[in-house]
Amino acid sequence: MSILCGIPLLECVYCLACARWAWKRCLYTAGHDSETWDLATAEEFEPVPRLCRYILAVYEDDLRHPLWEPPQGYGINPDWLIMKKNYEDTHGQAPPYLLYLDHDHADIVLAIRGLNMAKESDYALLLDNKKRKFDEGYVHNGLLKAAACVFNAEYDILKELLEKYPNYTLTFTGHSLGSGVAAILTMLVVQNRHMLGNIDQKRIRCFAIAPARCMSLNLAVKYADVINSVVLQDDFLPRTATPLEDIFKSLFCLPCLLCLRCMMDTCIPETKKLNDPRRLYSPGRLYHIVERKPFRCGRFPPVVRTAVPVDGRFEHIVLSCNATSDHAIIWIEREAERALELMREKDDSLQVPPEQRMERLESLARDHGEQHNAALRRAVSLAIPHAFSPTQYGTFDQDAENSGISSCDSLAGSSIKHKNKESWDEPFQIFFEKDESGLSSSEDTTYC
């Protein structure tokens, strides 16, 4: 009798536990992800709206008569366009992209468009979902191949432009699928700066808009000094550790997929996630645009928060009806512009002198460096696989640089010296060959 009486009690406890979990999940908002982060400044966030506009320009057939009229100050000058390549030009090996010379901002920009759901070649990149070893970490194999393809095609003109304009920065940017390609392309550039005339690392940067989870945690933190990710409120893609191809195949049933993934992630301990060297994450420093509040209707003035987190790196799915709309490049561009205007209005109201603005830029660079080093030390303390202390772990490894061998050479099994490299075909040939790692398909599945 006592056993029979205990059964309803256990059922009640189980139901209460499930109800508590569901209540907490439904009340979890995107603002919780970044509530402890610092506020971004206008100086560091300034490139985001115009880079979104450059990405949108990849979609345009005629830049002199654009379908989407850009806001004043964010338009693209067709006369400064170096090249614009479509699917026929890339032979489906990479998404379309453009190379733009921004004289107003002393910037050389390579912008890559997002997923085209009508193109099989884009799905082929996603379905090539094995994890490729790269620089003591792991990356999405299909995105790595696309990045190598772009670099193969454009490294010579990039080198020419960098030598012609020595004071210009080199910026890679992309949206969604293109963000993953841009982030991995940036890592290839950092590891092979000698191919671009030994460009200073400080001239290289990347802004991944609505980023895909494309690299392991140690790489995401390691390259946070050059790669930045921009996420709008509830965007699903940077949060869900689901294979990219499953996400886009199930796009019309995405709420069901996200709910299922949310339940599965609840059963996985945080330490197990962090200690999984093959689990992929959003790259670099994170900028989170927050514009909605819980139990409030409508959009509020956007606030941008930034950090280089290690644990809790957009690991919780937000059950929101805006999870897909916040992924749209149009909305991101619009809200980023609003956020930047608010930052500038605040600075103007304070009447900050130019000298103090320069001092703030220097202080901002120091703060970012300190935050990056703190994140590297945090990765070591959490026993993240392949994590090292800041002195050994930076993207500027002096020992590797002096040895004359790049990480891409080691991937290709090559010991060719920098001075002997005359072609990209040999160092990047490994990316276009069939994977011979010998891992099983279950081990190779890429979780983005």
Protein backbone atom coordinates (compact mmCIF):
# COMPACT_ATOMS: atom_id res chain seq x y z
CA MET A 1 0.00 0.00 0.00
CA SER A 2 2.80 2.41 0.87
CA ILE A 3 4.38 1.74 -2.54
CA LEU A 4 1.13 2.49 -4.33
CA CYS A 5 0.76 5.72 -2.39
CA GLY A 6 4.25 6.72 -3.34
CA ILE A 7 3.63 6.49 -7.10
CA PRO A 8 1.35 9.56 -7.36
CA LEU A 9 3.82 11.48 -5.21
CA LEU A 10 6.66 10.70 -7.62
CA GLU A 11 4.46 11.71 -10.55
CA CYS A 12 3.66 15.00 -8.87
CA VAL A 13 7.35 15.71 -8.21
CA TYR A 14 8.17 14.87 -11.83
CA CYS A 15 5.39 17.11 -13.15
CA LEU A 16 6.45 19.96 -10.88
CA ALA A 17 10.06 19.64 -12.05
CA CYS A 18 8.98 19.68 -15.71
CA ALA A 19 6.70 22.65 -15.09
CA ARG A 20 9.51 24.54 -13.35
CA TRP A 21 11.86 23.84 -16.27
CA ALA A 22 9.27 24.96 -18.82
CA TRP A 23 8.54 28.11 -16.80
CA LYS A 24 12.21 29.04 -16.59
CA ARG A 25 12.78 28.35 -20.28
CA CYS A 26 9.77 30.42 -21.34
CA LEU A 27 10.89 33.31 -19.14
CA TYR A 28 14.49 33.16 -20.38
CA THR A 29 15.13 36.15 -22.63
CA ALA A 30 18.04 37.16 -24.83
CA GLY A 31 18.90 39.96 -22.42
CA HIS A 32 20.08 37.37 -19.89
CA ASP A 33 22.92 36.34 -22.21
CA SER A 34 24.65 39.71 -22.05
CA GLU A 35 23.32 41.36 -18.90
CA THR A 36 26.78 41.36 -17.27
CA TRP A 37 28.67 42.57 -20.35
CA ASP A 38 30.06 46.06 -20.88
CA LEU A 39 28.33 48.62 -23.09
CA ALA A 40 29.86 49.03 -26.53
CA THR A 41 31.11 52.44 -27.67
CA ALA A 42 30.40 54.27 -30.90
CA GLU A 43 34.04 53.98 -31.99
CA GLU A 44 34.14 50.18 -31.89
CA PHE A 45 30.61 49.65 -33.25
CA GLU A 46 30.87 52.21 -36.06
CA PRO A 47 31.72 49.77 -38.89
CA VAL A 48 28.72 47.47 -38.34
CA PRO A 49 25.89 49.36 -40.15
CA ARG A 50 27.94 50.14 -43.25
CA LEU A 51 29.32 46.59 -43.39
CA CYS A 52 25.74 45.32 -43.35
CA ARG A 53 25.09 47.62 -46.30
CA TYR A 54 28.09 46.18 -48.17
CA ILE A 55 26.75 42.67 -47.59
CA LEU A 56 23.37 43.75 -48.96
CA ALA A 57 25.17 45.13 -52.01
CA VAL A 58 26.20 41.57 -52.91
CA TYR A 59 22.50 40.83 -53.50
CA GLU A 60 22.10 43.76 -55.92
CA ASP A 61 22.23 43.27 -59.68
CA ASP A 62 22.91 46.95 -60.40
CA LEU A 63 24.64 48.96 -57.70
CA ARG A 64 23.82 52.23 -59.46
CA HIS A 65 20.11 51.45 -59.17
CA PRO A 66 19.79 49.42 -55.97
CA LEU A 67 16.55 47.68 -55.02
CA TRP A 68 17.06 48.68 -51.38
CA GLU A 69 17.84 52.37 -51.14
CA PRO A 70 20.60 52.70 -48.52
CA PRO A 71 20.35 55.20 -45.66
CA GLN A 72 22.25 58.42 -46.09
CA GLY A 73 25.91 57.86 -45.29
CA TYR A 74 25.81 54.09 -45.77
CA GLY A 75 25.62 53.83 -49.54
CA ILE A 76 28.20 52.07 -51.66
CA ASN A 77 30.06 53.96 -54.38
CA PRO A 78 30.02 51.82 -57.55
CA ASP A 79 33.22 53.49 -58.75
CA TRP A 80 35.09 52.06 -55.77
CA LEU A 81 33.98 48.50 -56.42
CA ILE A 82 36.99 46.33 -57.27
CA MET A 83 35.07 43.19 -58.19
CA LYS A 84 31.78 41.39 -57.63
CA LYS A 85 31.54 37.63 -58.13
CA ASN A 86 28.42 35.49 -58.47
CA TYR A 87 27.84 31.73 -58.34
CA GLU A 88 29.08 31.26 -61.90
CA ASP A 89 32.36 32.99 -61.04
CA THR A 90 32.93 30.90 -57.91
CA HIS A 91 31.69 27.68 -59.58
CA GLY A 92 29.55 27.06 -56.51
CA GLN A 93 32.62 26.54 -54.31
CA ALA A 94 31.88 29.68 -52.30
CA PRO A 95 28.95 32.09 -51.85
CA PRO A 96 28.94 35.28 -53.97
CA TYR A 97 31.06 38.13 -52.64
CA LEU A 98 32.43 41.54 -53.52
CA LEU A 99 35.68 43.41 -52.94
CA TYR A 100 35.22 47.09 -52.18
CA LEU A 101 37.73 49.89 -51.63
CA ASP A 102 36.22 52.24 -49.05
CA HIS A 103 38.29 55.42 -49.31
CA ASP A 104 36.05 57.30 -46.87
CA HIS A 105 36.98 54.93 -44.06
CA ALA A 106 40.41 53.77 -45.31
CA ASP A 107 39.18 50.20 -45.53
CA ILE A 108 39.52 47.28 -47.95
CA VAL A 109 36.34 45.22 -47.53
CA LEU A 110 35.56 41.70 -48.71
CA ALA A 111 31.83 41.06 -48.09
CA ILE A 112 30.18 37.62 -48.45
CA ARG A 113 26.43 37.06 -48.79
CA GLY A 114 24.36 34.61 -46.76
CA LEU A 115 22.62 31.37 -47.67
CA ASN A 116 20.65 31.22 -50.91
CA MET A 117 17.97 28.63 -50.30
CA ALA A 118 17.51 28.17 -54.07
CA LYS A 119 21.14 27.17 -54.69
CA GLU A 120 22.27 23.58 -54.28
CA SER A 121 25.90 24.67 -54.01
CA ASP A 122 25.19 26.47 -50.73
CA TYR A 123 23.60 23.33 -49.33
CA ALA A 124 26.63 21.35 -50.50
CA LEU A 125 28.80 23.56 -48.27
CA LEU A 126 26.52 22.88 -45.32
CA LEU A 127 26.32 19.14 -45.95
CA ASP A 128 30.11 18.90 -45.97
CA ASN A 129 29.83 18.91 -42.22
CA LYS A 130 32.89 17.03 -41.04
CA LYS A 131 35.10 18.80 -38.56
CA ARG A 132 38.50 19.72 -39.92
CA LYS A 133 41.45 20.11 -37.57
CA PHE A 134 42.83 23.64 -37.81
CA ASP A 135 45.35 25.40 -35.58
CA GLU A 136 44.87 23.05 -32.61
CA GLY A 137 41.10 23.33 -32.95
CA TYR A 138 38.23 22.31 -35.20
CA VAL A 139 36.27 24.12 -37.90
CA HIS A 140 33.39 23.28 -40.26
CA ASN A 141 34.95 21.53 -43.25
CA GLY A 142 32.64 22.99 -45.92
CA LEU A 143 33.13 26.55 -44.67
CA LEU A 144 36.90 26.00 -44.54
CA LYS A 145 36.91 24.86 -48.17
CA ALA A 146 34.88 27.92 -49.21
CA ALA A 147 37.25 30.24 -47.30
CA ALA A 148 40.27 28.63 -48.94
CA CYS A 149 38.61 28.99 -52.35
CA VAL A 150 38.07 32.72 -51.84
CA PHE A 151 41.62 33.21 -50.60
CA ASN A 152 42.99 31.17 -53.50
CA ALA A 153 41.23 33.46 -55.95
CA GLU A 154 41.85 36.85 -54.35
CA TYR A 155 45.10 36.78 -52.37
CA ASP A 156 47.07 38.44 -55.18
CA ILE A 157 44.74 41.41 -55.57
CA LEU A 158 44.48 41.75 -51.78
CA LYS A 159 48.26 41.90 -51.57
CA GLU A 160 48.36 44.52 -54.33
CA LEU A 161 45.76 46.71 -52.61
CA LEU A 162 47.44 46.41 -49.20
CA GLU A 163 50.77 47.49 -50.69
CA LYS A 164 49.16 50.35 -52.60
CA TYR A 165 47.26 51.59 -49.53
CA PRO A 166 49.54 50.86 -46.54
CA ASN A 167 47.32 52.79 -44.11
CA TYR A 168 44.11 50.93 -44.97
CA THR A 169 42.62 48.13 -42.87
CA LEU A 170 41.59 44.78 -44.33
CA THR A 171 38.05 43.82 -43.29
CA PHE A 172 36.23 40.55 -43.92
CA THR A 173 32.50 40.44 -43.32
CA GLY A 174 29.57 38.16 -44.06
CA HIS A 175 26.06 37.24 -42.99
CA SER A 176 24.81 33.82 -41.84
CA LEU A 177 26.57 31.26 -44.05
CA GLY A 178 28.88 34.03 -45.29
CA SER A 179 29.81 34.93 -41.72
CA GLY A 180 31.30 31.48 -41.16
CA VAL A 181 33.27 31.74 -44.40
CA ALA A 182 34.49 35.25 -43.47
CA ALA A 183 35.57 34.18 -39.97
CA ILE A 184 37.56 31.17 -41.18
CA LEU A 185 38.99 33.26 -44.03
CA THR A 186 40.27 35.72 -41.43
CA MET A 187 42.05 32.90 -39.60
CA LEU A 188 43.66 31.81 -42.86
CA VAL A 189 44.90 35.36 -43.43
CA VAL A 190 46.31 35.64 -39.91
CA GLN A 191 48.11 32.34 -40.29
CA ASN A 192 49.46 33.27 -43.74
CA ARG A 193 50.17 37.00 -43.51
CA HIS A 194 53.43 36.45 -45.40
CA MET A 195 51.36 35.80 -48.54
CA LEU A 196 50.00 39.34 -48.26
CA GLY A 197 53.35 41.02 -47.83
CA ASN A 198 53.72 40.38 -44.08
CA ILE A 199 50.76 42.59 -43.26
CA ASP A 200 50.56 43.78 -39.67
CA GLN A 201 47.97 41.82 -37.74
CA LYS A 202 46.46 45.06 -36.42
CA ARG A 203 45.28 45.85 -39.95
CA ILE A 204 43.18 42.67 -40.12
CA ARG A 205 39.66 42.38 -38.72
CA CYS A 206 36.42 40.51 -39.28
CA PHE A 207 32.78 41.27 -38.51
CA ALA A 208 30.58 38.16 -38.66
CA ILE A 209 26.92 39.27 -38.83
CA ALA A 210 24.43 36.75 -37.41
CA PRO A 211 27.28 34.24 -37.17
CA ALA A 212 27.11 30.52 -37.67
CA ARG A 213 28.74 28.32 -35.05
CA CYS A 214 31.78 27.41 -37.12
CA MET A 215 34.80 26.88 -34.84
CA SER A 216 35.74 25.20 -31.58
CA LEU A 217 35.78 27.19 -28.36
CA ASN A 218 39.55 27.52 -28.13
CA LEU A 219 39.67 29.08 -31.62
CA ALA A 220 36.65 31.30 -30.92
CA VAL A 221 38.49 32.80 -27.94
CA LYS A 222 41.95 32.73 -29.49
CA TYR A 223 40.98 34.89 -32.48
CA ALA A 224 38.80 37.31 -30.51
CA ASP A 225 41.37 40.06 -31.11
CA VAL A 226 40.61 40.08 -34.85
CA ILE A 227 37.14 38.49 -35.23
CA ASN A 228 33.92 40.13 -34.01
CA SER A 229 30.41 38.64 -34.09
CA VAL A 230 27.22 40.72 -34.13
CA VAL A 231 23.99 39.14 -32.84
CA LEU A 232 20.55 40.77 -32.84
CA GLN A 233 18.44 39.95 -29.78
CA ASP A 234 16.90 36.44 -30.16
CA ASP A 235 18.71 35.25 -33.31
CA PHE A 236 18.57 31.44 -33.33
CA LEU A 237 21.68 30.61 -35.38
CA PRO A 238 24.44 31.66 -32.91
CA ARG A 239 22.63 29.80 -30.11
CA THR A 240 21.61 26.40 -31.37
CA ALA A 241 24.22 23.65 -31.42
CA THR A 242 22.40 21.90 -34.26
CA PRO A 243 24.05 20.91 -37.54
CA LEU A 244 23.64 23.79 -40.00
CA GLU A 245 22.16 21.56 -42.68
CA ASP A 246 19.46 20.31 -40.26
CA ILE A 247 18.56 23.90 -39.36
CA PHE A 248 17.98 25.02 -42.92
CA LYS A 249 16.29 21.78 -44.01
CA SER A 250 13.88 22.23 -41.10
CA LEU A 251 13.47 26.00 -41.47
CA PHE A 252 9.69 25.78 -41.79
CA CYS A 253 9.49 23.62 -38.69
CA LEU A 254 12.19 25.53 -36.85
CA PRO A 255 10.20 26.13 -33.60
CA CYS A 256 9.83 22.36 -33.14
CA LEU A 257 13.53 21.84 -33.79
CA LEU A 258 14.54 24.59 -31.35
CA CYS A 259 12.26 23.25 -28.61
CA LEU A 260 13.67 19.76 -29.07
CA ARG A 261 17.24 21.07 -29.01
CA CYS A 262 16.43 23.14 -25.93
CA MET A 263 15.27 20.01 -24.08
CA MET A 264 18.33 18.05 -25.17
CA ASP A 265 20.77 20.76 -24.07
CA THR A 266 19.13 20.83 -20.64
CA CYS A 267 20.28 17.24 -20.07
CA ILE A 268 23.91 17.97 -21.04
CA PRO A 269 26.09 19.27 -18.18
CA GLU A 270 27.88 22.56 -18.83
CA THR A 271 31.27 21.00 -18.12
CA LYS A 272 30.68 18.32 -20.75
CA LYS A 273 29.90 20.99 -23.34
CA LEU A 274 33.04 22.96 -22.50
CA ASN A 275 35.27 19.90 -22.53
CA ASP A 276 34.03 18.73 -25.93
CA PRO A 277 36.80 19.84 -28.35
CA ARG A 278 34.52 19.28 -31.36
CA ARG A 279 31.62 21.41 -30.22
CA LEU A 280 31.48 24.55 -32.37
CA TYR A 281 30.73 28.13 -31.28
CA SER A 282 30.19 31.61 -32.62
CA PRO A 283 33.57 33.20 -33.36
CA GLY A 284 35.49 35.97 -31.65
CA ARG A 285 34.32 38.93 -29.59
CA LEU A 286 30.53 39.15 -29.32
CA TYR A 287 28.37 42.24 -29.79
CA HIS A 288 24.78 41.72 -28.66
CA ILE A 289 22.08 44.17 -29.78
CA VAL A 290 19.22 44.11 -27.24
CA GLU A 291 16.02 45.95 -28.15
CA ARG A 292 13.17 44.07 -26.45
CA LYS A 293 12.37 43.54 -22.79
CA PRO A 294 10.39 40.75 -21.10
CA PHE A 295 6.65 41.33 -20.74
CA ARG A 296 6.93 44.45 -22.91
CA CYS A 297 5.44 44.92 -26.37
CA GLY A 298 7.31 46.48 -29.27
CA ARG A 299 10.94 47.43 -29.79
CA PHE A 300 12.86 49.75 -27.49
CA PRO A 301 15.94 51.88 -28.21
CA PRO A 302 18.63 49.28 -28.91
CA VAL A 303 21.52 48.78 -26.51
CA VAL A 304 24.75 47.08 -27.60
CA ARG A 305 26.77 45.05 -25.11
CA THR A 306 30.10 43.39 -25.79
CA ALA A 307 32.43 40.83 -24.21
CA VAL A 308 34.72 37.89 -24.94
CA PRO A 309 32.85 35.21 -22.97
CA VAL A 310 34.08 31.66 -22.54
CA ASP A 311 31.40 29.83 -20.57
CA GLY A 312 27.79 30.81 -21.28
CA ARG A 313 28.69 31.80 -24.84
CA PHE A 314 25.15 32.01 -26.31
CA GLU A 315 24.55 28.45 -25.15
CA HIS A 316 20.87 28.87 -24.20
CA ILE A 317 18.20 28.85 -26.89
CA VAL A 318 15.64 31.65 -26.60
CA LEU A 319 12.10 30.42 -27.27
CA SER A 320 10.87 33.50 -29.11
CA CYS A 321 8.65 34.26 -32.08
CA ASN A 322 11.41 36.64 -33.27
CA ALA A 323 14.13 33.97 -33.43
CA THR A 324 14.06 33.89 -37.25
CA SER A 325 13.23 37.54 -37.98
CA ASP A 326 16.20 38.68 -35.86
CA HIS A 327 18.43 36.70 -38.23
CA ALA A 328 17.50 38.88 -41.23
CA ILE A 329 20.28 41.14 -42.47
CA ILE A 330 17.77 43.93 -43.15
CA TRP A 331 16.70 44.05 -39.49
CA ILE A 332 20.27 43.80 -38.23
CA GLU A 333 21.37 46.69 -40.45
CA ARG A 334 18.43 48.83 -39.34
CA GLU A 335 18.83 48.19 -35.61
CA ALA A 336 22.62 48.55 -35.74
CA GLU A 337 22.20 51.95 -37.37
CA ARG A 338 19.72 53.02 -34.68
CA ALA A 339 22.05 51.83 -31.92
CA LEU A 340 24.98 53.71 -33.43
CA GLU A 341 22.95 56.92 -33.74
CA LEU A 342 21.99 56.69 -30.06
CA MET A 343 25.64 56.22 -29.07
CA ARG A 344 26.67 59.24 -31.09
CA GLU A 345 23.86 61.38 -29.68
CA LYS A 346 25.02 60.49 -26.18
CA ASP A 347 28.60 61.46 -27.04
CA ASP A 348 27.43 64.73 -28.63
CA SER A 349 25.36 65.60 -25.59
CA LEU A 350 28.42 65.14 -23.40
CA GLN A 351 30.43 67.35 -25.80
CA VAL A 352 33.50 65.13 -25.71
CA PRO A 353 36.56 67.01 -27.08
CA PRO A 354 38.56 65.40 -29.92
CA GLU A 355 41.55 64.89 -27.60
CA GLN A 356 39.45 62.87 -25.19
CA ARG A 357 38.03 60.84 -28.08
CA MET A 358 41.57 59.87 -29.08
CA GLU A 359 42.38 58.95 -25.49
CA ARG A 360 39.21 56.87 -25.34
CA LEU A 361 40.25 54.98 -28.48
CA GLU A 362 43.61 54.13 -26.92
CA SER A 363 41.93 53.13 -23.68
CA LEU A 364 39.43 51.01 -25.61
CA ALA A 365 42.27 49.14 -27.35
CA ARG A 366 43.91 48.45 -23.97
CA ASP A 367 40.62 47.29 -22.45
CA HIS A 368 39.97 44.94 -25.35
CA GLY A 369 43.46 43.50 -24.98
CA GLU A 370 42.95 42.96 -21.26
CA GLN A 371 39.56 41.32 -21.84
CA HIS A 372 41.07 39.04 -24.46
CA ASN A 373 43.87 37.94 -22.14
CA ALA A 374 41.35 37.40 -19.34
CA ALA A 375 39.26 35.20 -21.64
CA LEU A 376 42.34 33.17 -22.56
CA ARG A 377 43.17 32.64 -18.89
CA ARG A 378 39.53 31.72 -18.23
CA ALA A 379 39.70 29.11 -20.98
CA VAL A 380 42.75 27.58 -19.29
CA SER A 381 41.04 27.54 -15.88
CA LEU A 382 38.00 25.76 -17.34
CA ALA A 383 40.26 23.12 -18.92
CA ILE A 384 39.13 23.94 -22.45
CA PRO A 385 40.92 21.50 -24.78
CA HIS A 386 43.99 23.01 -26.47
CA ALA A 387 43.73 26.23 -24.45
CA PHE A 388 46.99 27.95 -23.48
CA SER A 389 48.01 30.98 -21.48
CA PRO A 390 47.95 34.37 -23.28
CA THR A 391 51.71 34.47 -23.81
CA GLN A 392 51.56 31.27 -25.86
CA TYR A 393 48.01 31.42 -27.10
CA GLY A 394 47.74 34.65 -29.05
CA THR A 395 47.10 34.71 -32.77
CA PHE A 396 50.61 36.13 -33.10
CA ASP A 397 52.71 33.08 -32.20
CA GLN A 398 56.27 34.33 -32.46
CA ASP A 399 57.79 30.85 -32.51
CA ALA A 400 55.58 29.72 -35.38
CA GLU A 401 56.25 32.97 -37.19
CA ASN A 402 60.02 32.59 -36.92
CA SER A 403 59.96 28.97 -37.96
CA GLY A 404 58.76 29.97 -41.42
CA ILE A 405 55.97 27.38 -41.46
CA SER A 406 52.28 28.33 -41.38
CA SER A 407 49.50 26.30 -39.82
CA CYS A 408 48.04 25.70 -43.26
CA ASP A 409 51.33 24.04 -44.24
CA SER A 410 51.10 21.70 -41.30
CA LEU A 411 47.52 20.86 -42.26
CA ALA A 412 48.70 19.99 -45.72
CA GLY A 413 51.55 17.94 -44.37
CA SER A 414 54.00 20.31 -46.00
CA SER A 415 57.25 21.79 -44.70
CA ILE A 416 57.59 24.43 -47.41
CA LYS A 417 59.24 27.64 -46.26
CA HIS A 418 57.46 30.96 -46.69
CA LYS A 419 59.94 32.20 -49.27
CA ASN A 420 59.40 29.12 -51.42
CA LYS A 421 55.62 29.48 -51.67
CA GLU A 422 54.72 30.71 -55.12
CA SER A 423 51.23 29.22 -55.39
CA TRP A 424 48.23 28.65 -53.13
CA ASP A 425 47.45 25.35 -54.82
CA GLU A 426 49.92 23.33 -52.74
CA PRO A 427 49.25 24.64 -49.20
CA PHE A 428 45.46 24.63 -49.67
CA GLN A 429 45.18 21.46 -51.72
CA ILE A 430 44.32 19.51 -48.58
CA PHE A 431 41.06 21.44 -48.19
CA PHE A 432 39.72 20.18 -51.50
CA GLU A 433 40.65 16.55 -51.04
CA LYS A 434 38.52 13.86 -49.55
CA ASP A 435 38.83 13.65 -45.77
CA GLU A 436 41.26 10.88 -44.82
CA SER A 437 41.17 11.32 -41.08
CA GLY A 438 39.69 7.87 -40.61
CA LEU A 439 37.04 9.13 -38.21
CA SER A 440 33.58 7.64 -38.28
CA SER A 441 30.67 9.65 -39.62
CA SER A 442 29.23 10.00 -36.14
CA GLU A 443 32.49 11.46 -34.87
CA ASP A 444 32.74 13.83 -37.82
CA THR A 445 29.29 15.37 -37.49
CA THR A 446 29.65 19.12 -37.16
CA TYR A 447 27.48 20.80 -34.57
CA CYS A 448 27.12 24.45 -35.48
